[in-house]
């Protein structure tokens, strides 16, 4: 009987540990991934900046899922990405790109930024298969570079349309506060 109780308590502890463990990218301990740390150092980040960047990545992963594929990049199952701006930089960029003003959105994509004038973290999506979640509140910006005439619908938490954009279109300043999702087409 005692052994049975010990096994049950052990199973309960393991179950609670799994339930409350932090969610990270599938199959990776992103907080200590040496490749991501090396990428961050190669990009010129200090150890503290790299840790702060990783905390931001981990927060996005916990709240919105995805898989970390670089020190500042998350990919989603839809093929979309979230590219985080590096500490001290206003514009999101790939780590191997030179420091530059990157406000572009590739043709066929819908892109959203956390800051006005296409600054801050950048969420890009191409495929129409799923709603994309908007991880920000406050004022940001967006570009709709999908094929001409494609309509992106901005949705609130109840998934009711509150705004729309017909491609091509953009806003340098846009309130993300009421927006929870975007149905890009």
Protein backbone atom coordinates (compact mmCIF):
# COMPACT_ATOMS: atom_id res chain seq x y z
CA UNK A 1 0.00 0.00 0.00
CA UNK A 2 2.80 2.41 0.92
CA UNK A 3 4.56 1.80 -2.40
CA UNK A 4 1.29 2.45 -4.26
CA UNK A 5 0.88 5.78 -2.42
CA UNK A 6 4.45 6.80 -3.22
CA UNK A 7 3.91 5.96 -6.90
CA UNK A 8 0.67 7.97 -6.96
CA UNK A 9 2.33 10.99 -5.30
CA UNK A 10 5.21 10.77 -7.78
CA UNK A 11 2.81 10.64 -10.73
CA UNK A 12 0.90 13.62 -9.34
CA UNK A 13 4.10 15.66 -8.94
CA UNK A 14 5.22 14.78 -12.46
CA UNK A 15 1.80 15.69 -13.83
CA UNK A 16 1.81 19.06 -12.08
CA UNK A 17 5.35 19.77 -13.24
CA UNK A 18 4.35 19.06 -16.84
CA UNK A 19 1.21 21.15 -16.48
CA UNK A 20 3.01 24.22 -15.17
CA UNK A 21 6.24 23.91 -17.15
CA UNK A 22 6.90 26.88 -19.44
CA UNK A 23 5.93 26.40 -23.07
CA UNK A 24 8.79 26.81 -25.53
CA UNK A 25 9.44 26.00 -29.14
CA UNK A 26 8.67 22.41 -29.96
CA UNK A 27 11.57 20.11 -29.19
CA UNK A 28 14.00 22.81 -28.08
CA UNK A 29 15.13 24.40 -24.86
CA UNK A 30 15.34 27.80 -26.50
CA UNK A 31 16.54 29.66 -23.42
CA UNK A 32 19.87 27.82 -23.49
CA UNK A 33 20.23 26.90 -27.17
CA UNK A 34 23.92 27.54 -27.90
CA UNK A 35 23.27 28.18 -31.61
CA UNK A 36 20.85 31.02 -30.83
CA UNK A 37 23.27 32.46 -28.27
CA UNK A 38 26.09 32.31 -30.83
CA UNK A 39 23.86 34.01 -33.43
CA UNK A 40 23.05 36.78 -30.96
CA UNK A 41 26.75 37.32 -30.14
CA UNK A 42 27.66 37.33 -33.85
CA UNK A 43 25.02 40.04 -34.34
CA UNK A 44 26.89 42.14 -31.77
CA UNK A 45 24.58 41.65 -28.78
CA UNK A 46 25.97 41.58 -25.26
CA UNK A 47 25.10 38.65 -23.00
CA UNK A 48 22.46 40.78 -21.25
CA UNK A 49 20.92 41.90 -24.56
CA UNK A 50 20.86 38.29 -25.80
CA UNK A 51 19.10 37.19 -22.60
CA UNK A 52 16.55 40.00 -22.89
CA UNK A 53 15.90 39.09 -26.53
CA UNK A 54 15.42 35.44 -25.56
CA UNK A 55 12.93 36.43 -22.86
CA UNK A 56 10.92 38.33 -25.49
CA UNK A 57 11.04 35.32 -27.84
CA UNK A 58 9.95 33.00 -25.02
CA UNK A 59 7.02 35.29 -24.17
CA UNK A 60 5.79 35.23 -27.78
CA UNK A 61 6.21 31.44 -27.93
CA UNK A 62 4.25 30.99 -24.70
CA UNK A 63 1.41 33.28 -25.75
CA UNK A 64 1.18 32.58 -29.49
CA UNK A 65 3.02 29.35 -30.21
CA UNK A 66 5.35 28.77 -33.11
CA UNK A 67 8.92 27.52 -33.27
CA UNK A 68 12.05 29.54 -32.66
CA UNK A 69 14.35 29.24 -35.69
CA UNK A 70 16.87 32.03 -34.97
CA UNK A 71 17.78 34.25 -32.04
CA UNK A 72 15.12 36.77 -33.13
CA UNK A 73 12.78 34.75 -35.35
CA UNK A 74 9.73 32.55 -34.83
CA UNK A 75 8.06 30.52 -37.58
CA UNK A 76 4.45 29.36 -37.55
CA UNK A 77 2.92 26.25 -39.11
CA UNK A 78 1.27 28.48 -41.71
CA UNK A 79 4.66 29.58 -43.06
CA UNK A 80 4.32 32.99 -41.43
CA UNK A 81 7.01 34.53 -39.26
CA UNK A 82 7.53 36.89 -36.37
CA UNK A 83 10.81 38.78 -36.60
CA UNK A 84 11.84 40.64 -33.44
CA UNK A 85 13.76 43.88 -33.55
CA UNK A 86 17.14 43.56 -31.88
CA UNK A 87 17.86 45.47 -28.67
CA UNK A 88 18.75 49.06 -29.50
CA UNK A 89 17.34 48.84 -33.05
CA UNK A 90 14.04 50.29 -34.25
CA UNK A 91 13.51 47.96 -37.22
CA UNK A 92 13.19 44.18 -37.35
CA UNK A 93 15.76 42.45 -39.54
CA UNK A 94 17.24 39.04 -40.22
CA UNK A 95 20.46 38.57 -38.23
CA UNK A 96 22.56 38.18 -41.37
CA UNK A 97 21.27 41.44 -42.86
CA UNK A 98 23.25 44.62 -42.28
CA UNK A 99 21.75 47.19 -39.94
CA UNK A 100 19.30 48.99 -42.18
CA UNK A 101 15.86 50.48 -42.25
CA UNK A 102 13.66 47.51 -43.15
CA UNK A 103 10.09 48.58 -43.69
CA UNK A 104 9.34 46.29 -46.59
CA UNK A 105 6.69 43.61 -46.89
CA UNK A 106 7.16 41.08 -49.68
CA UNK A 107 4.61 40.85 -52.48
CA UNK A 108 1.82 38.45 -51.57
CA UNK A 109 2.22 39.01 -47.81
CA UNK A 110 0.36 40.86 -45.10
CA UNK A 111 2.77 42.39 -42.56
CA UNK A 112 2.07 43.94 -39.17
CA UNK A 113 4.50 45.84 -36.93
CA UNK A 114 4.35 46.50 -33.20
CA UNK A 115 5.37 50.15 -33.68
CA UNK A 116 4.30 53.03 -35.89
CA UNK A 117 6.02 53.69 -39.22
CA UNK A 118 6.86 49.98 -39.65
CA UNK A 119 9.11 49.81 -36.58
CA UNK A 120 9.45 47.21 -33.85
CA UNK A 121 8.63 43.52 -34.15
CA UNK A 122 7.24 42.37 -37.51
CA UNK A 123 4.61 39.65 -38.11
CA UNK A 124 4.38 38.43 -41.74
CA UNK A 125 1.90 35.99 -43.24
CA UNK A 126 1.28 34.67 -46.75
CA UNK A 127 -1.22 31.83 -46.58
CA UNK A 128 -4.96 32.34 -46.12
CA UNK A 129 -5.53 29.11 -44.25
CA UNK A 130 -5.68 30.45 -40.70
CA UNK A 131 -6.31 33.62 -38.76
CA UNK A 132 -3.14 35.28 -37.58
CA UNK A 133 -3.10 36.49 -34.01
CA UNK A 134 -1.92 40.00 -33.27
CA UNK A 135 0.30 39.89 -30.20
CA UNK A 136 0.28 43.63 -29.50
CA UNK A 137 -1.91 46.36 -28.12
CA UNK A 138 -1.24 50.04 -28.53
CA UNK A 139 -0.28 51.74 -31.76
CA UNK A 140 1.54 49.94 -34.56
CA UNK A 141 1.40 49.79 -38.36
CA UNK A 142 0.72 47.40 -41.24
CA UNK A 143 1.17 46.76 -44.98
CA UNK A 144 -1.15 44.69 -47.15
CA UNK A 145 0.97 43.58 -50.13
CA UNK A 146 -1.25 40.67 -51.15
CA UNK A 147 -2.48 40.37 -54.72
CA UNK A 148 -4.53 43.36 -55.83
CA UNK A 149 -8.08 43.29 -54.51
CA UNK A 150 -7.46 40.73 -51.74
CA UNK A 151 -9.24 41.80 -48.56
CA UNK A 152 -7.71 41.46 -45.09
CA UNK A 153 -10.27 41.61 -42.28
CA UNK A 154 -9.33 42.86 -38.81
CA UNK A 155 -11.22 40.98 -36.08
CA UNK A 156 -11.89 41.57 -32.39
CA UNK A 157 -11.76 38.90 -29.66
CA UNK A 158 -15.23 37.64 -30.63
CA UNK A 159 -13.95 37.35 -34.24
CA UNK A 160 -16.26 40.09 -35.46
CA UNK A 161 -14.93 42.32 -38.24
CA UNK A 162 -13.98 45.78 -37.01
CA UNK A 163 -11.91 46.99 -39.98
CA UNK A 164 -10.66 45.83 -43.37
CA UNK A 165 -7.98 46.54 -45.98
CA UNK A 166 -8.12 45.89 -49.69
CA UNK A 167 -4.67 45.19 -51.17
CA UNK A 168 -2.53 47.03 -51.76
CA UNK A 169 -2.75 49.22 -48.70
CA UNK A 170 -0.92 50.39 -45.59
CA UNK A 171 -1.21 52.40 -42.39
CA UNK A 172 1.75 54.16 -40.77
CA UNK A 173 -0.20 54.37 -37.50
CA UNK A 174 -2.89 51.91 -36.44
CA UNK A 175 -4.40 50.95 -33.07
CA UNK A 176 -3.91 47.24 -32.38
CA UNK A 177 -5.79 47.46 -29.06
CA UNK A 178 -9.17 46.23 -30.39
CA UNK A 179 -7.59 43.77 -32.88
CA UNK A 180 -7.02 40.17 -31.84
CA UNK A 181 -6.84 38.47 -35.24
CA UNK A 182 -6.46 39.21 -38.92
CA UNK A 183 -8.08 37.06 -41.60
CA UNK A 184 -5.67 37.99 -44.37
CA UNK A 185 -7.93 36.80 -47.22
